[in-house]
Amino acid sequence: SVLAEAVRLFQTEEYPANHFVVREGELGACLYIIVRGSVEVTSAHTHGRELRFVLQEGDCFGERALLAAMPETENVRTLSPCVFLTLTRAGFDYLTGQKMALG
């Protein structure tokens, strides 16, 4: 039953290439799982250099947003048209409450 609830709580989002999905400093909104496409993640580094890496299908980002309302620490921009499954913090809290209740 928890799995059925999880399926119901995930939403699908689509974005074109070169779209900022997450911007550094903004409040984190949800977890993103990449279903199709790829994204570039960039973040300022403590030594003044920018860190950059690419995430692809099956990868996820935004997991910190599930745990606490805190500003994002990186920018995430689509490199190609992308499809994501997303889960909000409220959905995550609901699922973890359900799981705890089931024991």
PDB file of N, CA and C in Angstrom:
ATOM      1  N   SER A   1       0.822  -1.201   0.000  1.00  0.00           N
ATOM      2  CA  SER A   1       0.000   0.000   0.000  1.00  0.00           C
ATOM      3  C   SER A   1       0.867   1.267   0.000  1.00  0.00           C
ATOM      4  N   VAL A   2       2.039   1.201   0.638  1.00  0.00           N
ATOM      5  CA  VAL A   2       2.939   2.366   0.644  1.00  0.00           C
ATOM      6  C   VAL A   2       3.434   2.648  -0.769  1.00  0.00           C
ATOM      7  N   LEU A   3       3.757   1.607  -1.517  1.00  0.00           N
ATOM      8  CA  LEU A   3       4.208   1.782  -2.900  1.00  0.00           C
ATOM      9  C   LEU A   3       3.113   2.415  -3.752  1.00  0.00           C
ATOM     10  N   ALA A   4       1.883   1.990  -3.574  1.00  0.00           N
ATOM     11  CA  ALA A   4       0.764   2.575  -4.325  1.00  0.00           C
ATOM     12  C   ALA A   4       0.617   4.055  -3.991  1.00  0.00           C
ATOM     13  N   GLU A   5       0.793   4.419  -2.727  1.00  0.00           N
ATOM     14  CA  GLU A   5       0.740   5.829  -2.333  1.00  0.00           C
ATOM     15  C   GLU A   5       1.888   6.610  -2.966  1.00  0.00           C
ATOM     16  N   ALA A   6       3.075   6.028  -3.008  1.00  0.00           N
ATOM     17  CA  ALA A   6       4.234   6.706  -3.603  1.00  0.00           C
ATOM     18  C   ALA A   6       3.977   7.013  -5.069  1.00  0.00           C
ATOM     19  N   VAL A   7       3.425   6.060  -5.784  1.00  0.00           N
ATOM     20  CA  VAL A   7       3.128   6.259  -7.206  1.00  0.00           C
ATOM     21  C   VAL A   7       2.173   7.432  -7.371  1.00  0.00           C
ATOM     22  N   ARG A   8       1.212   7.534  -6.504  1.00  0.00           N
ATOM     23  CA  ARG A   8       0.224   8.613  -6.575  1.00  0.00           C
ATOM     24  C   ARG A   8       0.847   9.979  -6.273  1.00  0.00           C
ATOM     25  N   LEU A   9       1.847  10.015  -5.408  1.00  0.00           N
ATOM     26  CA  LEU A   9       2.429  11.280  -4.974  1.00  0.00           C
ATOM     27  C   LEU A   9       3.489  11.840  -5.922  1.00  0.00           C
ATOM     28  N   PHE A  10       4.110  11.002  -6.740  1.00  0.00           N
ATOM     29  CA  PHE A  10       5.087  11.489  -7.715  1.00  0.00           C
ATOM     30  C   PHE A  10       4.368  12.168  -8.871  1.00  0.00           C
ATOM     31  N   GLN A  11       4.921  13.280  -9.322  1.00  0.00           N
ATOM     32  CA  GLN A  11       4.377  14.022 -10.453  1.00  0.00           C
ATOM     33  C   GLN A  11       5.382  13.975 -11.602  1.00  0.00           C
ATOM     34  N   THR A  12       4.919  14.208 -12.808  1.00  0.00           N
ATOM     35  CA  THR A  12       5.791  14.279 -13.976  1.00  0.00           C
ATOM     36  C   THR A  12       5.950  15.739 -14.381  1.00  0.00           C
ATOM     37  N   GLU A  13       7.194  16.146 -14.626  1.00  0.00           N
ATOM     38  CA  GLU A  13       7.489  17.498 -15.105  1.00  0.00           C
ATOM     39  C   GLU A  13       8.384  17.389 -16.322  1.00  0.00           C
ATOM     40  N   GLU A  14       8.136  18.250 -17.298  1.00  0.00           N
ATOM     41  CA  GLU A  14       8.940  18.287 -18.521  1.00  0.00           C
ATOM     42  C   GLU A  14       9.474  19.694 -18.735  1.00  0.00           C
ATOM     43  N   TYR A  15      10.737  19.778 -19.166  1.00  0.00           N
ATOM     44  CA  TYR A  15      11.360  21.070 -19.440  1.00  0.00           C
ATOM     45  C   TYR A  15      12.170  20.985 -20.729  1.00  0.00           C
ATOM     46  N   PRO A  16      12.249  22.101 -21.482  1.00  0.00           N
ATOM     47  CA  PRO A  16      13.068  22.127 -22.694  1.00  0.00           C
ATOM     48  C   PRO A  16      14.555  22.231 -22.342  1.00  0.00           C
ATOM     49  N   ALA A  17      15.382  22.094 -23.334  1.00  0.00           N
ATOM     50  CA  ALA A  17      16.824  22.272 -23.145  1.00  0.00           C
ATOM     51  C   ALA A  17      17.102  23.697 -22.679  1.00  0.00           C
ATOM     52  N   ASN A  18      18.158  23.854 -21.898  1.00  0.00           N
ATOM     53  CA  ASN A  18      18.644  25.141 -21.411  1.00  0.00           C
ATOM     54  C   ASN A  18      17.686  25.816 -20.424  1.00  0.00           C
ATOM     55  N   HIS A  19      16.953  25.022 -19.671  1.00  0.00           N
ATOM     56  CA  HIS A  19      16.013  25.542 -18.656  1.00  0.00           C
ATOM     57  C   HIS A  19      16.619  25.321 -17.273  1.00  0.00           C
ATOM     58  N   PHE A  20      16.615  26.362 -16.431  1.00  0.00           N
ATOM     59  CA  PHE A  20      17.095  26.209 -15.064  1.00  0.00           C
ATOM     60  C   PHE A  20      15.992  25.572 -14.225  1.00  0.00           C
ATOM     61  N   VAL A  21      16.233  24.370 -13.747  1.00  0.00           N
ATOM     62  CA  VAL A  21      15.284  23.641 -12.912  1.00  0.00           C
ATOM     63  C   VAL A  21      15.459  24.078 -11.463  1.00  0.00           C
ATOM     64  N   VAL A  22      16.691  24.262 -11.045  1.00  0.00           N
ATOM     65  CA  VAL A  22      17.041  24.683  -9.682  1.00  0.00           C
ATOM     66  C   VAL A  22      18.050  25.807  -9.801  1.00  0.00           C
ATOM     67  N   ARG A  23      17.849  26.846  -8.979  1.00  0.00           N
ATOM     68  CA  ARG A  23      18.807  27.954  -8.933  1.00  0.00           C
ATOM     69  C   ARG A  23      19.396  28.064  -7.531  1.00  0.00           C
ATOM     70  N   GLU A  24      20.703  28.210  -7.502  1.00  0.00           N
ATOM     71  CA  GLU A  24      21.407  28.353  -6.228  1.00  0.00           C
ATOM     72  C   GLU A  24      20.808  29.501  -5.421  1.00  0.00           C
ATOM     73  N   GLY A  25      20.574  29.262  -4.137  1.00  0.00           N
ATOM     74  CA  GLY A  25      20.038  30.287  -3.260  1.00  0.00           C
ATOM     75  C   GLY A  25      18.529  30.241  -3.095  1.00  0.00           C
ATOM     76  N   GLU A  26      17.816  29.626  -4.046  1.00  0.00           N
ATOM     77  CA  GLU A  26      16.364  29.502  -3.926  1.00  0.00           C
ATOM     78  C   GLU A  26      16.027  28.369  -2.965  1.00  0.00           C
ATOM     79  N   LEU A  27      14.859  28.446  -2.361  1.00  0.00           N
ATOM     80  CA  LEU A  27      14.415  27.411  -1.446  1.00  0.00           C
ATOM     81  C   LEU A  27      14.147  26.122  -2.209  1.00  0.00           C
ATOM     82  N   GLY A  28      14.715  25.012  -1.738  1.00  0.00           N
ATOM     83  CA  GLY A  28      14.518  23.721  -2.390  1.00  0.00           C
ATOM     84  C   GLY A  28      13.053  23.312  -2.361  1.00  0.00           C
ATOM     85  N   ALA A  29      12.572  22.776  -3.484  1.00  0.00           N
ATOM     86  CA  ALA A  29      11.148  22.457  -3.596  1.00  0.00           C
ATOM     87  C   ALA A  29      10.857  20.963  -3.560  1.00  0.00           C
ATOM     88  N   CYS A  30      11.701  20.165  -4.211  1.00  0.00           N
ATOM     89  CA  CYS A  30      11.381  18.740  -4.281  1.00  0.00           C
ATOM     90  C   CYS A  30      12.571  17.921  -4.787  1.00  0.00           C
ATOM     91  N   LEU A  31      12.381  16.629  -4.734  1.00  0.00           N
ATOM     92  CA  LEU A  31      13.320  15.662  -5.292  1.00  0.00           C
ATOM     93  C   LEU A  31      12.996  15.492  -6.769  1.00  0.00           C
ATOM     94  N   TYR A  32      14.011  15.458  -7.606  1.00  0.00           N
ATOM     95  CA  TYR A  32      13.844  15.230  -9.049  1.00  0.00           C
ATOM     96  C   TYR A  32      14.560  13.940  -9.426  1.00  0.00           C
ATOM     97  N   ILE A  33      13.870  13.061 -10.118  1.00  0.00           N
ATOM     98  CA  ILE A  33      14.472  11.862 -10.693  1.00  0.00           C
ATOM     99  C   ILE A  33      14.431  12.040 -12.208  1.00  0.00           C
ATOM    100  N   ILE A  34      15.588  11.917 -12.855  1.00  0.00           N
ATOM    101  CA  ILE A  34      15.661  12.128 -14.305  1.00  0.00           C
ATOM    102  C   ILE A  34      15.172  10.867 -15.020  1.00  0.00           C
ATOM    103  N   VAL A  35      14.077  11.001 -15.746  1.00  0.00           N
ATOM    104  CA  VAL A  35      13.519   9.897 -16.524  1.00  0.00           C
ATOM    105  C   VAL A  35      14.092   9.914 -17.933  1.00  0.00           C
ATOM    106  N   ARG A  36      14.214  11.125 -18.498  1.00  0.00           N
ATOM    107  CA  ARG A  36      14.755  11.262 -19.848  1.00  0.00           C
ATOM    108  C   ARG A  36      15.529  12.562 -19.932  1.00  0.00           C
ATOM    109  N   GLY A  37      16.709  12.503 -20.547  1.00  0.00           N
ATOM    110  CA  GLY A  37      17.514  13.696 -20.750  1.00  0.00           C
ATOM    111  C   GLY A  37      18.715  13.762 -19.820  1.00  0.00           C
ATOM    112  N   SER A  38      19.356  14.934 -19.808  1.00  0.00           N
ATOM    113  CA  SER A  38      20.518  15.144 -18.949  1.00  0.00           C
ATOM    114  C   SER A  38      20.543  16.590 -18.474  1.00  0.00           C
ATOM    115  N   VAL A  39      21.171  16.790 -17.319  1.00  0.00           N
ATOM    116  CA  VAL A  39      21.277  18.120 -16.728  1.00  0.00           C
ATOM    117  C   VAL A  39      22.726  18.402 -16.345  1.00  0.00           C
ATOM    118  N   GLU A  40      23.038  19.674 -16.289  1.00  0.00           N
ATOM    119  CA  GLU A  40      24.337  20.139 -15.826  1.00  0.00           C
ATOM    120  C   GLU A  40      24.148  20.731 -14.436  1.00  0.00           C
ATOM    121  N   VAL A  41      24.982  20.311 -13.501  1.00  0.00           N
ATOM    122  CA  VAL A  41      24.950  20.830 -12.137  1.00  0.00           C
ATOM    123  C   VAL A  41      26.210  21.658 -11.933  1.00  0.00           C
ATOM    124  N   THR A  42      26.036  22.902 -11.518  1.00  0.00           N
ATOM    125  CA  THR A  42      27.182  23.773 -11.242  1.00  0.00           C
ATOM    126  C   THR A  42      27.031  24.361  -9.845  1.00  0.00           C
ATOM    127  N   SER A  43      28.173  24.565  -9.201  1.00  0.00           N
ATOM    128  CA  SER A  43      28.171  25.112  -7.852  1.00  0.00           C
ATOM    129  C   SER A  43      29.477  25.848  -7.619  1.00  0.00           C
ATOM    130  N   ALA A  44      29.393  26.974  -6.905  1.00  0.00           N
ATOM    131  CA  ALA A  44      30.611  27.698  -6.545  1.00  0.00           C
ATOM    132  C   ALA A  44      31.384  26.857  -5.534  1.00  0.00           C
ATOM    133  N   HIS A  45      32.665  26.825  -5.666  1.00  0.00           N
ATOM    134  CA  HIS A  45      33.523  26.053  -4.774  1.00  0.00           C
ATOM    135  C   HIS A  45      34.187  27.014  -3.792  1.00  0.00           C
ATOM    136  N   THR A  46      34.571  26.532  -2.650  1.00  0.00           N
ATOM    137  CA  THR A  46      35.167  27.388  -1.620  1.00  0.00           C
ATOM    138  C   THR A  46      36.467  28.041  -2.068  1.00  0.00           C
ATOM    139  N   HIS A  47      37.152  27.472  -3.027  1.00  0.00           N
ATOM    140  CA  HIS A  47      38.417  28.040  -3.501  1.00  0.00           C
ATOM    141  C   HIS A  47      38.220  28.917  -4.731  1.00  0.00           C
ATOM    142  N   GLY A  48      36.974  29.358  -4.989  1.00  0.00           N
ATOM    143  CA  GLY A  48      36.708  30.258  -6.091  1.00  0.00           C
ATOM    144  C   GLY A  48      36.520  29.583  -7.433  1.00  0.00           C
ATOM    145  N   ARG A  49      36.666  28.262  -7.486  1.00  0.00           N
ATOM    146  CA  ARG A  49      36.469  27.534  -8.744  1.00  0.00           C
ATOM    147  C   ARG A  49      35.058  26.984  -8.776  1.00  0.00           C
ATOM    148  N   GLU A  50      34.506  26.911  -9.985  1.00  0.00           N
ATOM    149  CA  GLU A  50      33.171  26.355 -10.132  1.00  0.00           C
ATOM    150  C   GLU A  50      33.261  24.845 -10.349  1.00  0.00           C
ATOM    151  N   LEU A  51      32.446  24.099  -9.608  1.00  0.00           N
ATOM    152  CA  LEU A  51      32.341  22.659  -9.817  1.00  0.00           C
ATOM    153  C   LEU A  51      31.250  22.406 -10.838  1.00  0.00           C
ATOM    154  N   ARG A  52      31.481  21.456 -11.746  1.00  0.00           N
ATOM    155  CA  ARG A  52      30.509  21.136 -12.772  1.00  0.00           C
ATOM    156  C   ARG A  52      30.486  19.636 -12.998  1.00  0.00           C
ATOM    157  N   PHE A  53      29.276  19.074 -13.077  1.00  0.00           N
ATOM    158  CA  PHE A  53      29.132  17.678 -13.464  1.00  0.00           C
ATOM    159  C   PHE A  53      27.782  17.486 -14.130  1.00  0.00           C
ATOM    160  N   VAL A  54      27.635  16.363 -14.807  1.00  0.00           N
ATOM    161  CA  VAL A  54      26.432  16.064 -15.576  1.00  0.00           C
ATOM    162  C   VAL A  54      25.717  14.866 -14.951  1.00  0.00           C
ATOM    163  N   LEU A  55      24.392  14.980 -14.835  1.00  0.00           N
ATOM    164  CA  LEU A  55      23.549  13.875 -14.386  1.00  0.00           C
ATOM    165  C   LEU A  55      22.688  13.425 -15.560  1.00  0.00           C
ATOM    166  N   GLN A  56      22.407  12.123 -15.615  1.00  0.00           N
ATOM    167  CA  GLN A  56      21.645  11.564 -16.726  1.00  0.00           C
ATOM    168  C   GLN A  56      20.497  10.708 -16.220  1.00  0.00           C
ATOM    169  N   GLU A  57      19.830  10.051 -17.147  1.00  0.00           N
ATOM    170  CA  GLU A  57      18.677   9.212 -16.833  1.00  0.00           C
ATOM    171  C   GLU A  57      18.973   8.272 -15.665  1.00  0.00           C
ATOM    172  N   GLY A  58      18.057   8.248 -14.700  1.00  0.00           N
ATOM    173  CA  GLY A  58      18.211   7.412 -13.511  1.00  0.00           C
ATOM    174  C   GLY A  58      18.843   8.134 -12.336  1.00  0.00           C
ATOM    175  N   ASP A  59      19.524   9.257 -12.589  1.00  0.00           N
ATOM    176  CA  ASP A  59      20.117  10.037 -11.508  1.00  0.00           C
ATOM    177  C   ASP A  59      19.048  10.919 -10.861  1.00  0.00           C
ATOM    178  N   CYS A  60      19.353  11.431  -9.672  1.00  0.00           N
ATOM    179  CA  CYS A  60      18.408  12.317  -8.993  1.00  0.00           C
ATOM    180  C   CYS A  60      19.159  13.489  -8.364  1.00  0.00           C
ATOM    181  N   PHE A  61      18.412  14.532  -8.033  1.00  0.00           N
ATOM    182  CA  PHE A  61      18.957  15.689  -7.326  1.00  0.00           C
ATOM    183  C   PHE A  61      17.818  16.342  -6.535  1.00  0.00           C
ATOM    184  N   GLY A  62      18.186  17.201  -5.596  1.00  0.00           N
ATOM    185  CA  GLY A  62      17.200  17.896  -4.778  1.00  0.00           C
ATOM    186  C   GLY A  62      16.815  17.155  -3.518  1.00  0.00           C
ATOM    187  N   GLU A  63      17.546  16.111  -3.175  1.00  0.00           N
ATOM    188  CA  GLU A  63      17.167  15.304  -2.007  1.00  0.00           C
ATOM    189  C   GLU A  63      17.199  16.099  -0.703  1.00  0.00           C
ATOM    190  N   ARG A  64      18.045  17.125  -0.618  1.00  0.00           N
ATOM    191  CA  ARG A  64      18.073  17.946   0.600  1.00  0.00           C
ATOM    192  C   ARG A  64      16.735  18.642   0.829  1.00  0.00           C
ATOM    193  N   ALA A  65      16.029  18.961  -0.263  1.00  0.00           N
ATOM    194  CA  ALA A  65      14.733  19.634  -0.149  1.00  0.00           C
ATOM    195  C   ALA A  65      13.701  18.761   0.554  1.00  0.00           C
ATOM    196  N   LEU A  66      13.903  17.444   0.556  1.00  0.00           N
ATOM    197  CA  LEU A  66      12.964  16.555   1.240  1.00  0.00           C
ATOM    198  C   LEU A  66      13.138  16.606   2.747  1.00  0.00           C
ATOM    199  N   LEU A  67      14.325  16.959   3.195  1.00  0.00           N
ATOM    200  CA  LEU A  67      14.646  16.903   4.619  1.00  0.00           C
ATOM    201  C   LEU A  67      14.408  18.211   5.354  1.00  0.00           C
ATOM    202  N   ALA A  68      14.619  19.340   4.672  1.00  0.00           N
ATOM    203  CA  ALA A  68      14.483  20.631   5.351  1.00  0.00           C
ATOM    204  C   ALA A  68      14.291  21.748   4.338  1.00  0.00           C
ATOM    205  N   ALA A  69      13.644  22.798   4.785  1.00  0.00           N
ATOM    206  CA  ALA A  69      13.479  23.992   3.943  1.00  0.00           C
ATOM    207  C   ALA A  69      14.786  24.774   4.021  1.00  0.00           C
ATOM    208  N   MET A  70      15.625  24.600   3.017  1.00  0.00           N
ATOM    209  CA  MET A  70      16.914  25.268   3.006  1.00  0.00           C
ATOM    210  C   MET A  70      17.254  25.691   1.580  1.00  0.00           C
ATOM    211  N   PRO A  71      18.064  26.727   1.418  1.00  0.00           N
ATOM    212  CA  PRO A  71      18.427  27.190   0.080  1.00  0.00           C
ATOM    213  C   PRO A  71      19.240  26.142  -0.689  1.00  0.00           C
ATOM    214  N   GLU A  72      19.019  26.093  -1.981  1.00  0.00           N
ATOM    215  CA  GLU A  72      19.786  25.199  -2.850  1.00  0.00           C
ATOM    216  C   GLU A  72      21.232  25.660  -2.900  1.00  0.00           C
ATOM    217  N   THR A  73      22.155  24.718  -3.044  1.00  0.00           N
ATOM    218  CA  THR A  73      23.583  25.043  -3.075  1.00  0.00           C
ATOM    219  C   THR A  73      24.172  24.921  -4.469  1.00  0.00           C
ATOM    220  N   GLU A  74      23.321  24.662  -5.470  1.00  0.00           N
ATOM    221  CA  GLU A  74      23.816  24.527  -6.834  1.00  0.00           C
ATOM    222  C   GLU A  74      22.754  24.993  -7.829  1.00  0.00           C
ATOM    223  N   ASN A  75      23.207  25.178  -9.069  1.00  0.00           N
ATOM    224  CA  ASN A  75      22.319  25.435 -10.196  1.00  0.00           C
ATOM    225  C   ASN A  75      22.186  24.139 -10.977  1.00  0.00           C
ATOM    226  N   VAL A  76      20.970  23.843 -11.445  1.00  0.00           N
ATOM    227  CA  VAL A  76      20.739  22.665 -12.284  1.00  0.00           C
ATOM    228  C   VAL A  76      20.029  23.144 -13.538  1.00  0.00           C
ATOM    229  N   ARG A  77      20.670  22.915 -14.697  1.00  0.00           N
ATOM    230  CA  ARG A  77      20.152  23.370 -15.989  1.00  0.00           C
ATOM    231  C   ARG A  77      20.058  22.185 -16.935  1.00  0.00           C
ATOM    232  N   THR A  78      18.949  22.104 -17.652  1.00  0.00           N
ATOM    233  CA  THR A  78      18.784  21.006 -18.609  1.00  0.00           C
ATOM    234  C   THR A  78      19.732  21.187 -19.796  1.00  0.00           C
ATOM    235  N   LEU A  79      20.366  20.104 -20.207  1.00  0.00           N
ATOM    236  CA  LEU A  79      21.224  20.115 -21.395  1.00  0.00           C
ATOM    237  C   LEU A  79      20.452  19.661 -22.631  1.00  0.00           C
ATOM    238  N   SER A  80      19.345  18.976 -22.418  1.00  0.00           N
ATOM    239  CA  SER A  80      18.479  18.475 -23.484  1.00  0.00           C
ATOM    240  C   SER A  80      17.053  18.538 -22.944  1.00  0.00           C
ATOM    241  N   PRO A  81      16.054  18.336 -23.801  1.00  0.00           N
ATOM    242  CA  PRO A  81      14.694  18.249 -23.246  1.00  0.00           C
ATOM    243  C   PRO A  81      14.664  17.137 -22.194  1.00  0.00           C
ATOM    244  N   CYS A  82      14.024  17.402 -21.052  1.00  0.00           N
ATOM    245  CA  CYS A  82      14.042  16.460 -19.939  1.00  0.00           C
ATOM    246  C   CYS A  82      12.643  16.157 -19.419  1.00  0.00           C
ATOM    247  N   VAL A  83      12.510  14.936 -18.909  1.00  0.00           N
ATOM    248  CA  VAL A  83      11.319  14.508 -18.182  1.00  0.00           C
ATOM    249  C   VAL A  83      11.788  14.062 -16.803  1.00  0.00           C
ATOM    250  N   PHE A  84      11.111  14.563 -15.763  1.00  0.00           N
ATOM    251  CA  PHE A  84      11.449  14.235 -14.388  1.00  0.00           C
ATOM    252  C   PHE A  84      10.245  13.655 -13.668  1.00  0.00           C
ATOM    253  N   LEU A  85      10.509  12.774 -12.720  1.00  0.00           N
ATOM    254  CA  LEU A  85       9.523  12.433 -11.701  1.00  0.00           C
ATOM    255  C   LEU A  85       9.902  13.274 -10.493  1.00  0.00           C
ATOM    256  N   THR A  86       8.929  13.923  -9.859  1.00  0.00           N
ATOM    257  CA  THR A  86       9.222  14.779  -8.721  1.00  0.00           C
ATOM    258  C   THR A  86       8.393  14.371  -7.509  1.00  0.00           C
ATOM    259  N   LEU A  87       8.967  14.606  -6.342  1.00  0.00           N
ATOM    260  CA  LEU A  87       8.287  14.339  -5.083  1.00  0.00           C
ATOM    261  C   LEU A  87       8.515  15.533  -4.168  1.00  0.00           C
ATOM    262  N   THR A  88       7.442  16.136  -3.676  1.00  0.00           N
ATOM    263  CA  THR A  88       7.553  17.293  -2.786  1.00  0.00           C
ATOM    264  C   THR A  88       7.896  16.845  -1.370  1.00  0.00           C
ATOM    265  N   ARG A  89       8.313  17.796  -0.547  1.00  0.00           N
ATOM    266  CA  ARG A  89       8.609  17.512   0.853  1.00  0.00           C
ATOM    267  C   ARG A  89       7.347  17.032   1.569  1.00  0.00           C
ATOM    268  N   ALA A  90       6.195  17.631   1.266  1.00  0.00           N
ATOM    269  CA  ALA A  90       4.933  17.207   1.887  1.00  0.00           C
ATOM    270  C   ALA A  90       4.632  15.751   1.521  1.00  0.00           C
ATOM    271  N   GLY A  91       4.869  15.386   0.268  1.00  0.00           N
ATOM    272  CA  GLY A  91       4.663  13.999  -0.161  1.00  0.00           C
ATOM    273  C   GLY A  91       5.615  13.049   0.544  1.00  0.00           C
ATOM    274  N   PHE A  92       6.865  13.467   0.677  1.00  0.00           N
ATOM    275  CA  PHE A  92       7.862  12.653   1.369  1.00  0.00           C
ATOM    276  C   PHE A  92       7.478  12.464   2.834  1.00  0.00           C
ATOM    277  N   ASP A  93       7.068  13.563   3.486  1.00  0.00           N
ATOM    278  CA  ASP A  93       6.653  13.473   4.891  1.00  0.00           C
ATOM    279  C   ASP A  93       5.470  12.521   5.040  1.00  0.00           C
ATOM    280  N   TYR A  94       4.529  12.604   4.115  1.00  0.00           N
ATOM    281  CA  TYR A  94       3.376  11.711   4.149  1.00  0.00           C
ATOM    282  C   TYR A  94       3.817  10.254   4.014  1.00  0.00           C
ATOM    283  N   LEU A  95       4.701   9.995   3.032  1.00  0.00           N
ATOM    284  CA  LEU A  95       5.168   8.615   2.825  1.00  0.00           C
ATOM    285  C   LEU A  95       5.947   8.089   4.022  1.00  0.00           C
ATOM    286  N   THR A  96       6.810   8.888   4.589  1.00  0.00           N
ATOM    287  CA  THR A  96       7.589   8.407   5.723  1.00  0.00           C
ATOM    288  C   THR A  96       6.713   8.230   6.949  1.00  0.00           C
ATOM    289  N   GLY A  97       5.678   9.035   7.095  1.00  0.00           N
ATOM    290  CA  GLY A  97       4.716   8.851   8.182  1.00  0.00           C
ATOM    291  C   GLY A  97       3.940   7.564   8.000  1.00  0.00           C
ATOM    292  N   GLN A  98       3.563   7.268   6.741  1.00  0.00           N
ATOM    293  CA  GLN A  98       2.847   6.023   6.434  1.00  0.00           C
ATOM    294  C   GLN A  98       3.728   4.813   6.731  1.00  0.00           C
ATOM    295  N   LYS A  99       4.989   4.905   6.331  1.00  0.00           N
ATOM    296  CA  LYS A  99       5.911   3.787   6.527  1.00  0.00           C
ATOM    297  C   LYS A  99       6.116   3.546   8.024  1.00  0.00           C
ATOM    298  N   MET A 100       6.293   4.623   8.783  1.00  0.00           N
ATOM    299  CA  MET A 100       6.497   4.485  10.227  1.00  0.00           C
ATOM    300  C   MET A 100       5.266   3.861  10.876  1.00  0.00           C
ATOM    301  N   ALA A 101       4.075   4.259  10.418  1.00  0.00           N
ATOM    302  CA  ALA A 101       2.836   3.727  10.995  1.00  0.00           C
ATOM    303  C   ALA A 101       2.687   2.244  10.721  1.00  0.00           C
ATOM    304  N   LEU A 102       3.241   1.810   9.563  1.00  0.00           N
ATOM    305  CA  LEU A 102       3.148   0.382   9.203  1.00  0.00           C
ATOM    306  C   LEU A 102       4.173  -0.445   9.960  1.00  0.00           C
ATOM    307  N   GLY A 103       5.187   0.214  10.496  1.00  0.00           N
ATOM    308  CA  GLY A 103       6.164  -0.489  11.318  1.00  0.00           C
ATOM    309  C   GLY A 103       7.262  -1.049  10.519  1.00  0.00           C
TER     310      GLY A 103
END
